[in-house]
Amino acid sequence: MPPVIKVTATIAVGARPAGVATDPKTDTIYVTNIFSGTVSVISGRTNTVVATIAVGNSPLASIPGAVIELRFCSAWVSGQRGGKR
């Protein structure tokens, strides 16, 4: 039997959230918001948005749209359309 998965928190992020990447080392979640042109940074410890980063038009929704590099504690996000970075 598969494990039971429960919603533990509902966290408001930008417009049209589409992609999620996690950094288990820092317990941080990154959500790309397509219509906002932002990435929401969420603390997995507190289940709150700790930062909103403007990244330009239409950040991609899936890997490699959001890539976490654990050695350097960095995240890279690519956009589908040109625009301010």
Protein backbone atom coordinates (compact mmCIF):
# COMPACT_ATOMS: atom_id res chain seq x y z
CA MET A 1 0.00 0.00 0.00
CA PRO A 2 1.44 3.45 -0.91
CA PRO A 3 2.15 5.90 1.92
CA VAL A 4 -0.50 8.46 2.80
CA ILE A 5 0.54 11.94 1.70
CA LYS A 6 -1.00 14.89 3.54
CA VAL A 7 -0.96 18.62 2.86
CA THR A 8 1.02 20.20 5.71
CA ALA A 9 0.91 23.82 4.52
CA THR A 10 -0.51 26.00 1.77
CA ILE A 11 1.88 28.79 0.83
CA ALA A 12 0.94 31.73 -1.41
CA VAL A 13 3.53 32.43 -4.12
CA GLY A 14 3.55 34.42 -7.39
CA ALA A 15 1.16 34.20 -10.33
CA ARG A 16 0.97 30.84 -12.13
CA PRO A 17 3.40 28.76 -10.08
CA ALA A 18 4.65 25.99 -12.31
CA GLY A 19 7.98 24.50 -11.29
CA VAL A 20 9.52 23.38 -8.03
CA ALA A 21 13.11 22.63 -7.09
CA THR A 22 14.38 21.78 -3.64
CA ASP A 23 17.64 21.98 -1.76
CA PRO A 24 17.48 19.33 0.96
CA LYS A 25 20.76 20.55 2.46
CA THR A 26 19.24 23.94 3.39
CA ASP A 27 15.58 22.80 3.53
CA THR A 28 14.74 25.43 0.90
CA ILE A 29 12.12 25.20 -1.85
CA TYR A 30 12.23 27.29 -5.05
CA VAL A 31 9.02 27.88 -7.04
CA THR A 32 9.06 29.43 -10.53
CA ASN A 33 6.11 31.78 -11.14
CA ILE A 34 5.51 32.10 -14.89
CA PHE A 35 3.18 35.13 -14.98
CA SER A 36 5.08 37.03 -12.26
CA GLY A 37 8.54 36.49 -13.74
CA THR A 38 9.76 35.57 -10.27
CA VAL A 39 11.06 32.73 -8.17
CA SER A 40 9.60 32.34 -4.69
CA VAL A 41 12.07 31.07 -2.09
CA ILE A 42 10.40 29.11 0.69
CA SER A 43 11.85 27.97 4.00
CA GLY A 44 10.92 24.34 4.52
CA ARG A 45 11.47 24.83 8.25
CA THR A 46 8.87 27.59 8.64
CA ASN A 47 6.73 27.04 5.51
CA THR A 48 6.96 30.73 4.66
CA VAL A 49 8.19 32.70 1.64
CA VAL A 50 11.53 34.20 2.69
CA ALA A 51 12.36 35.92 -0.61
CA THR A 52 10.91 36.70 -4.04
CA ILE A 53 13.49 37.04 -6.80
CA ALA A 54 12.70 38.83 -10.08
CA VAL A 55 14.15 36.72 -12.91
CA GLY A 56 12.54 38.10 -16.07
CA ASN A 57 9.83 36.84 -18.38
CA SER A 58 8.32 33.38 -18.06
CA PRO A 59 10.78 31.42 -15.92
CA LEU A 60 10.72 27.80 -17.04
CA ALA A 61 8.56 25.42 -15.11
CA SER A 62 10.76 22.38 -14.85
CA ILE A 63 14.32 21.19 -14.65
CA PRO A 64 16.50 22.57 -16.21
CA GLY A 65 14.35 25.66 -15.71
CA ALA A 66 15.26 25.65 -12.04
CA VAL A 67 18.50 23.96 -11.06
CA ILE A 68 19.93 23.77 -7.57
CA GLU A 69 23.70 23.46 -7.19
CA LEU A 70 24.34 22.13 -3.71
CA ARG A 71 28.11 22.68 -3.58
CA PHE A 72 27.80 26.42 -4.15
CA CYS A 73 24.34 26.99 -2.61
CA SER A 74 23.16 28.54 -5.88
CA ALA A 75 20.06 28.32 -8.03
CA TRP A 76 19.84 29.01 -11.76
CA VAL A 77 16.60 29.80 -13.59
CA SER A 78 16.17 30.19 -17.33
CA GLY A 79 13.40 32.07 -19.10
CA GLN A 80 11.33 31.12 -22.13
CA ARG A 81 11.32 34.64 -23.60
CA GLY A 82 13.75 37.52 -23.72
CA GLY A 83 13.58 40.22 -21.13
CA LYS A 84 15.23 41.83 -18.17
CA ARG A 85 17.40 39.52 -16.05
